[in-house]
Amino acid sequence: MAKYSVRTVAICGVLLASGFGSAAMSADAGAGKTVFQGSCSICHSAQPGQDKIGPTLFGLVGRKTGAEPGYNYSPANQAANLTWDVATLDKYLQGPRAMIPGTKMTFAGVKDDEKRANLIAYLATLK
C-alpha cells in the first residue's frame, strides 16, 4: 500500500473539492516541480520576491491576479480580478491568452490534464 504525506492528501482533497476530477487523484507535487522547471522557470521564479520576465509564483495560490507587489502586470491581468485557486489555475494553464485576452504571458499552456494537475499541486506548495 502506498504511503502519502499529509500535504499530498490535503492537496488532492483540495483538487477534488474544486472539481478537478480524476487527475487530482494522481496529482504529484514532485512531478509538478519537474513540469515547472521545464515549462515555467524560464520566466517565473518559485522564490519569494524574485520576479523574472513574469512574477514570482511563490504564494500564487490564493493571490489575486495582478497583485504581486513590484511586478509590472498587463492592464488585462490587473483588471481580471480573479483569485488564483485550483479551478482558476486549471482553466488559465490550459490557455492563458484565451482566459485573459491581453495578458503579457505568451505561454501556450499545459494541455495534458495530469501534468497540469501536478503543476497546480506543486504551485500549492509554494507558500
N, C-alpha and C. Protein backbone atom coordinates (compact mmCIF):
# COMPACT_ATOMS: atom_id res chain seq x y z
N MET A 1 0.84 -1.18 0.00
CA MET A 1 0.00 0.00 0.00
C MET A 1 0.89 1.24 0.00
N ALA A 2 0.58 2.20 -0.85
CA ALA A 2 1.37 3.42 -0.96
C ALA A 2 1.15 4.30 0.26
N LYS A 3 2.20 4.99 0.67
CA LYS A 3 2.10 5.94 1.77
C LYS A 3 2.13 7.34 1.18
N TYR A 4 1.25 8.21 1.67
CA TYR A 4 1.18 9.57 1.18
C TYR A 4 1.37 10.52 2.35
N SER A 5 2.03 11.63 2.10
CA SER A 5 2.21 12.62 3.15
C SER A 5 0.88 13.33 3.40
N VAL A 6 0.78 13.95 4.54
CA VAL A 6 -0.42 14.72 4.87
C VAL A 6 -0.61 15.82 3.83
N ARG A 7 0.49 16.45 3.40
CA ARG A 7 0.43 17.52 2.40
C ARG A 7 -0.15 17.00 1.09
N THR A 8 0.29 15.83 0.63
CA THR A 8 -0.20 15.26 -0.62
C THR A 8 -1.69 14.96 -0.52
N VAL A 9 -2.12 14.39 0.59
CA VAL A 9 -3.53 14.08 0.80
C VAL A 9 -4.35 15.37 0.82
N ALA A 10 -3.84 16.39 1.49
CA ALA A 10 -4.55 17.67 1.57
C ALA A 10 -4.68 18.32 0.21
N ILE A 11 -3.61 18.31 -0.57
CA ILE A 11 -3.65 18.90 -1.91
C ILE A 11 -4.65 18.16 -2.78
N CYS A 12 -4.63 16.83 -2.73
CA CYS A 12 -5.58 16.04 -3.51
C CYS A 12 -7.01 16.34 -3.08
N GLY A 13 -7.22 16.51 -1.77
CA GLY A 13 -8.55 16.85 -1.27
C GLY A 13 -9.02 18.19 -1.80
N VAL A 14 -8.13 19.17 -1.82
CA VAL A 14 -8.48 20.49 -2.36
C VAL A 14 -8.80 20.38 -3.84
N LEU A 15 -8.00 19.62 -4.58
CA LEU A 15 -8.23 19.46 -6.01
C LEU A 15 -9.57 18.78 -6.27
N LEU A 16 -9.88 17.74 -5.51
CA LEU A 16 -11.16 17.05 -5.69
C LEU A 16 -12.33 17.95 -5.33
N ALA A 17 -12.22 18.66 -4.22
CA ALA A 17 -13.29 19.55 -3.78
C ALA A 17 -13.53 20.66 -4.79
N SER A 18 -12.50 21.00 -5.55
CA SER A 18 -12.62 22.06 -6.55
C SER A 18 -13.12 21.53 -7.88
N GLY A 19 -13.48 20.25 -7.92
CA GLY A 19 -14.00 19.68 -9.15
C GLY A 19 -12.93 19.32 -10.16
N PHE A 20 -11.73 19.07 -9.69
CA PHE A 20 -10.62 18.80 -10.59
C PHE A 20 -10.63 17.38 -11.09
N GLY A 21 -11.54 16.55 -10.58
CA GLY A 21 -11.75 15.22 -11.12
C GLY A 21 -10.65 14.22 -10.86
N SER A 22 -10.57 13.21 -11.74
CA SER A 22 -9.68 12.09 -11.53
C SER A 22 -8.21 12.47 -11.61
N ALA A 23 -7.88 13.55 -12.31
CA ALA A 23 -6.48 13.98 -12.37
C ALA A 23 -5.97 14.33 -10.96
N ALA A 24 -6.88 14.80 -10.09
CA ALA A 24 -6.49 15.14 -8.74
C ALA A 24 -6.02 13.93 -7.95
N MET A 25 -6.59 12.77 -8.27
CA MET A 25 -6.22 11.57 -7.54
C MET A 25 -4.75 11.22 -7.75
N SER A 26 -4.22 11.59 -8.90
CA SER A 26 -2.83 11.27 -9.18
C SER A 26 -1.93 12.50 -9.09
N ALA A 27 -2.45 13.62 -8.60
CA ALA A 27 -1.66 14.85 -8.52
C ALA A 27 -0.42 14.60 -7.68
N ASP A 28 0.72 14.94 -8.25
CA ASP A 28 2.02 14.70 -7.64
C ASP A 28 2.83 15.98 -7.70
N ALA A 29 2.98 16.64 -6.54
CA ALA A 29 3.70 17.90 -6.48
C ALA A 29 5.15 17.75 -6.95
N GLY A 30 5.76 16.60 -6.69
CA GLY A 30 7.13 16.36 -7.16
C GLY A 30 7.21 16.35 -8.67
N ALA A 31 6.24 15.69 -9.30
CA ALA A 31 6.18 15.69 -10.77
C ALA A 31 5.83 17.09 -11.27
N GLY A 32 5.03 17.81 -10.51
CA GLY A 32 4.68 19.18 -10.87
C GLY A 32 5.88 20.10 -10.83
N LYS A 33 6.79 19.85 -9.92
CA LYS A 33 8.02 20.65 -9.87
C LYS A 33 8.83 20.44 -11.15
N THR A 34 8.83 19.22 -11.66
CA THR A 34 9.52 18.93 -12.91
C THR A 34 8.86 19.69 -14.06
N VAL A 35 7.54 19.73 -14.08
CA VAL A 35 6.82 20.50 -15.11
C VAL A 35 7.19 21.97 -14.98
N PHE A 36 7.19 22.47 -13.76
CA PHE A 36 7.56 23.87 -13.51
C PHE A 36 8.95 24.17 -14.03
N GLN A 37 9.90 23.32 -13.69
CA GLN A 37 11.28 23.54 -14.11
C GLN A 37 11.43 23.49 -15.63
N GLY A 38 10.65 22.65 -16.29
CA GLY A 38 10.75 22.52 -17.74
C GLY A 38 9.95 23.55 -18.52
N SER A 39 8.87 24.06 -17.94
CA SER A 39 7.98 24.94 -18.70
C SER A 39 7.85 26.35 -18.14
N CYS A 40 8.02 26.52 -16.85
CA CYS A 40 7.69 27.80 -16.21
C CYS A 40 8.90 28.59 -15.72
N SER A 41 9.94 27.88 -15.31
CA SER A 41 11.06 28.53 -14.62
C SER A 41 11.88 29.45 -15.52
N ILE A 42 11.70 29.37 -16.81
CA ILE A 42 12.38 30.31 -17.71
C ILE A 42 11.91 31.72 -17.42
N CYS A 43 10.62 31.87 -17.15
CA CYS A 43 10.03 33.19 -16.93
C CYS A 43 9.62 33.49 -15.49
N HIS A 44 9.45 32.43 -14.68
CA HIS A 44 8.95 32.61 -13.31
C HIS A 44 9.88 31.96 -12.30
N SER A 45 9.96 32.59 -11.14
CA SER A 45 10.70 32.03 -10.01
C SER A 45 9.73 31.40 -9.03
N ALA A 46 10.23 30.44 -8.26
CA ALA A 46 9.45 29.85 -7.17
C ALA A 46 9.88 30.44 -5.83
N GLN A 47 10.74 31.44 -5.88
CA GLN A 47 11.27 32.07 -4.67
C GLN A 47 10.52 33.38 -4.38
N PRO A 48 10.26 33.68 -3.11
CA PRO A 48 9.55 34.92 -2.79
C PRO A 48 10.34 36.15 -3.23
N GLY A 49 9.62 37.11 -3.83
CA GLY A 49 10.23 38.39 -4.20
C GLY A 49 11.18 38.34 -5.39
N GLN A 50 11.28 37.22 -6.07
CA GLN A 50 12.20 37.10 -7.21
C GLN A 50 11.43 37.05 -8.52
N ASP A 51 11.07 38.22 -9.03
CA ASP A 51 10.40 38.28 -10.31
C ASP A 51 11.43 38.09 -11.42
N LYS A 52 10.97 37.55 -12.52
CA LYS A 52 11.79 37.42 -13.73
C LYS A 52 11.02 38.14 -14.84
N ILE A 53 10.93 37.55 -16.01
CA ILE A 53 10.09 38.11 -17.07
C ILE A 53 8.65 38.14 -16.56
N GLY A 54 8.27 37.11 -15.82
CA GLY A 54 6.96 37.04 -15.17
C GLY A 54 7.14 37.16 -13.66
N PRO A 55 6.05 37.34 -12.94
CA PRO A 55 6.14 37.47 -11.48
C PRO A 55 6.51 36.15 -10.81
N THR A 56 7.02 36.26 -9.60
CA THR A 56 7.26 35.05 -8.81
C THR A 56 5.94 34.29 -8.64
N LEU A 57 6.04 32.98 -8.62
CA LEU A 57 4.84 32.17 -8.39
C LEU A 57 4.77 31.69 -6.94
N PHE A 58 5.72 32.14 -6.13
CA PHE A 58 5.66 31.84 -4.70
C PHE A 58 4.44 32.55 -4.12
N GLY A 59 3.61 31.80 -3.43
CA GLY A 59 2.40 32.38 -2.83
C GLY A 59 1.30 32.67 -3.83
N LEU A 60 1.40 32.09 -5.02
CA LEU A 60 0.40 32.35 -6.06
C LEU A 60 -0.99 31.89 -5.67
N VAL A 61 -1.11 30.67 -5.16
CA VAL A 61 -2.44 30.13 -4.82
C VAL A 61 -3.04 30.98 -3.70
N GLY A 62 -4.20 31.56 -3.99
CA GLY A 62 -4.88 32.44 -3.05
C GLY A 62 -4.67 33.92 -3.34
N ARG A 63 -3.73 34.24 -4.22
CA ARG A 63 -3.43 35.63 -4.55
C ARG A 63 -4.37 36.10 -5.67
N LYS A 64 -4.65 37.39 -5.72
CA LYS A 64 -5.44 37.99 -6.78
C LYS A 64 -4.57 38.21 -8.01
N THR A 65 -5.18 38.19 -9.18
CA THR A 65 -4.45 38.50 -10.41
C THR A 65 -3.93 39.93 -10.33
N GLY A 66 -2.72 40.11 -10.84
CA GLY A 66 -2.14 41.45 -10.89
C GLY A 66 -1.75 42.02 -9.55
N ALA A 67 -1.53 41.16 -8.54
CA ALA A 67 -1.34 41.67 -7.18
C ALA A 67 0.05 41.46 -6.58
N GLU A 68 0.99 40.87 -7.29
CA GLU A 68 2.34 40.68 -6.73
C GLU A 68 3.03 42.04 -6.69
N PRO A 69 3.37 42.53 -5.50
CA PRO A 69 3.99 43.85 -5.37
C PRO A 69 5.28 43.95 -6.20
N GLY A 70 5.41 45.06 -6.91
CA GLY A 70 6.64 45.34 -7.64
C GLY A 70 6.69 44.78 -9.05
N TYR A 71 5.71 43.95 -9.44
CA TYR A 71 5.73 43.41 -10.80
C TYR A 71 4.84 44.27 -11.70
N ASN A 72 5.29 44.53 -12.92
CA ASN A 72 4.57 45.35 -13.88
C ASN A 72 3.63 44.48 -14.72
N TYR A 73 2.41 44.29 -14.26
CA TYR A 73 1.42 43.46 -14.94
C TYR A 73 0.80 44.19 -16.12
N SER A 74 0.27 43.43 -17.06
CA SER A 74 -0.50 44.00 -18.15
C SER A 74 -1.81 44.55 -17.58
N PRO A 75 -2.37 45.57 -18.24
CA PRO A 75 -3.68 46.08 -17.79
C PRO A 75 -4.74 44.97 -17.76
N ALA A 76 -4.67 44.03 -18.72
CA ALA A 76 -5.64 42.93 -18.76
C ALA A 76 -5.55 42.07 -17.50
N ASN A 77 -4.34 41.77 -17.07
CA ASN A 77 -4.17 40.95 -15.87
C ASN A 77 -4.61 41.72 -14.63
N GLN A 78 -4.28 42.99 -14.57
CA GLN A 78 -4.70 43.81 -13.43
C GLN A 78 -6.21 43.90 -13.33
N ALA A 79 -6.88 43.98 -14.47
CA ALA A 79 -8.33 44.16 -14.49
C ALA A 79 -9.10 42.84 -14.36
N ALA A 80 -8.42 41.71 -14.49
CA ALA A 80 -9.11 40.41 -14.48
C ALA A 80 -9.83 40.14 -13.16
N ASN A 81 -9.30 40.61 -12.06
CA ASN A 81 -9.93 40.47 -10.74
C ASN A 81 -10.32 39.02 -10.43
N LEU A 82 -9.36 38.12 -10.62
CA LEU A 82 -9.56 36.71 -10.31
C LEU A 82 -8.68 36.34 -9.12
N THR A 83 -9.06 35.29 -8.43
CA THR A 83 -8.22 34.73 -7.38
C THR A 83 -7.63 33.44 -7.92
N TRP A 84 -6.33 33.28 -7.77
CA TRP A 84 -5.65 32.08 -8.26
C TRP A 84 -5.94 30.91 -7.32
N ASP A 85 -7.03 30.22 -7.60
CA ASP A 85 -7.34 28.98 -6.89
C ASP A 85 -7.17 27.83 -7.87
N VAL A 86 -7.46 26.64 -7.44
CA VAL A 86 -7.23 25.45 -8.27
C VAL A 86 -8.03 25.52 -9.57
N ALA A 87 -9.29 25.86 -9.49
CA ALA A 87 -10.14 25.90 -10.69
C ALA A 87 -9.67 26.97 -11.66
N THR A 88 -9.33 28.15 -11.14
CA THR A 88 -8.87 29.25 -11.99
C THR A 88 -7.54 28.89 -12.64
N LEU A 89 -6.62 28.32 -11.87
CA LEU A 89 -5.33 27.91 -12.43
C LEU A 89 -5.50 26.83 -13.49
N ASP A 90 -6.40 25.90 -13.24
CA ASP A 90 -6.63 24.84 -14.22
C ASP A 90 -7.08 25.43 -15.55
N LYS A 91 -8.03 26.32 -15.51
CA LYS A 91 -8.52 26.94 -16.74
C LYS A 91 -7.44 27.80 -17.38
N TYR A 92 -6.77 28.63 -16.60
CA TYR A 92 -5.75 29.54 -17.12
C TYR A 92 -4.59 28.77 -17.76
N LEU A 93 -4.14 27.73 -17.10
CA LEU A 93 -2.98 26.99 -17.60
C LEU A 93 -3.30 26.17 -18.86
N GLN A 94 -4.55 26.03 -19.19
CA GLN A 94 -4.91 25.39 -20.45
C GLN A 94 -4.67 26.33 -21.64
N GLY A 95 -4.75 27.63 -21.40
CA GLY A 95 -4.55 28.63 -22.44
C GLY A 95 -4.66 30.02 -21.85
N PRO A 96 -3.55 30.56 -21.36
CA PRO A 96 -3.59 31.86 -20.68
C PRO A 96 -4.25 32.98 -21.48
N ARG A 97 -3.95 33.09 -22.76
CA ARG A 97 -4.50 34.18 -23.58
C ARG A 97 -5.98 34.00 -23.87
N ALA A 98 -6.46 32.77 -23.84
CA ALA A 98 -7.89 32.53 -24.02
C ALA A 98 -8.66 33.00 -22.80
N MET A 99 -8.08 32.82 -21.62
CA MET A 99 -8.77 33.19 -20.39
C MET A 99 -8.64 34.68 -20.09
N ILE A 100 -7.43 35.24 -20.31
CA ILE A 100 -7.21 36.66 -20.05
C ILE A 100 -6.63 37.27 -21.33
N PRO A 101 -7.50 37.62 -22.28
CA PRO A 101 -7.01 38.26 -23.51
C PRO A 101 -6.25 39.54 -23.16
N GLY A 102 -5.09 39.70 -23.77
CA GLY A 102 -4.28 40.88 -23.50
C GLY A 102 -3.19 40.65 -22.45
N THR A 103 -3.14 39.45 -21.86
CA THR A 103 -2.08 39.16 -20.91
C THR A 103 -0.72 39.19 -21.63
N LYS A 104 0.32 39.52 -20.90
CA LYS A 104 1.67 39.50 -21.47
C LYS A 104 2.20 38.08 -21.60
N MET A 105 1.57 37.14 -20.92
CA MET A 105 2.07 35.76 -20.91
C MET A 105 1.85 35.12 -22.27
N THR A 106 2.95 34.75 -22.91
CA THR A 106 2.88 34.18 -24.26
C THR A 106 2.85 32.65 -24.25
N PHE A 107 2.94 32.04 -23.10
CA PHE A 107 2.94 30.59 -22.95
C PHE A 107 1.66 29.99 -23.53
N ALA A 108 1.80 28.95 -24.33
CA ALA A 108 0.64 28.33 -24.99
C ALA A 108 -0.25 27.55 -24.04
N GLY A 109 0.30 27.07 -22.95
CA GLY A 109 -0.50 26.33 -21.97
C GLY A 109 -0.02 24.91 -21.79
N VAL A 110 -0.59 24.25 -20.78
CA VAL A 110 -0.30 22.84 -20.48
C VAL A 110 -1.56 22.07 -20.85
N LYS A 111 -1.51 21.39 -21.95
CA LYS A 111 -2.71 20.70 -22.47
C LYS A 111 -2.98 19.37 -21.76
N ASP A 112 -1.94 18.73 -21.25
CA ASP A 112 -2.06 17.43 -20.59
C ASP A 112 -2.66 17.61 -19.19
N ASP A 113 -3.81 16.98 -18.95
CA ASP A 113 -4.53 17.14 -17.67
C ASP A 113 -3.68 16.72 -16.47
N GLU A 114 -2.97 15.60 -16.59
CA GLU A 114 -2.18 15.12 -15.46
C GLU A 114 -1.01 16.05 -15.16
N LYS A 115 -0.32 16.50 -16.19
CA LYS A 115 0.79 17.44 -15.98
C LYS A 115 0.28 18.73 -15.36
N ARG A 116 -0.87 19.21 -15.82
CA ARG A 116 -1.43 20.44 -15.28
C ARG A 116 -1.84 20.25 -13.82
N ALA A 117 -2.44 19.12 -13.49
CA ALA A 117 -2.81 18.83 -12.09
C ALA A 117 -1.55 18.77 -11.22
N ASN A 118 -0.51 18.13 -11.73
CA ASN A 118 0.74 18.04 -10.97
C ASN A 118 1.35 19.42 -10.77
N LEU A 119 1.33 20.24 -11.82
CA LEU A 119 1.88 21.59 -11.71
C LEU A 119 1.11 22.40 -10.67
N ILE A 120 -0.20 22.32 -10.69
CA ILE A 120 -1.01 23.05 -9.72
C ILE A 120 -0.73 22.54 -8.31
N ALA A 121 -0.57 21.24 -8.15
CA ALA A 121 -0.23 20.69 -6.83
C ALA A 121 1.11 21.26 -6.35
N TYR A 122 2.07 21.37 -7.26
CA TYR A 122 3.37 21.97 -6.90
C TYR A 122 3.20 23.45 -6.53
N LEU A 123 2.48 24.20 -7.34
CA LEU A 123 2.28 25.62 -7.05
C LEU A 123 1.64 25.82 -5.68
N ALA A 124 0.76 24.90 -5.29
CA ALA A 124 0.09 25.00 -3.99
C ALA A 124 1.07 24.81 -2.83
N THR A 125 2.23 24.22 -3.09
CA THR A 125 3.21 24.03 -2.01
C THR A 125 4.09 25.27 -1.82
N LEU A 126 4.03 26.21 -2.74
CA LEU A 126 4.90 27.40 -2.68
C LEU A 126 4.31 28.46 -1.78
N LYS A 127 4.50 28.28 -0.49
CA LYS A 127 4.00 29.26 0.48
C LYS A 127 4.87 29.34 1.68
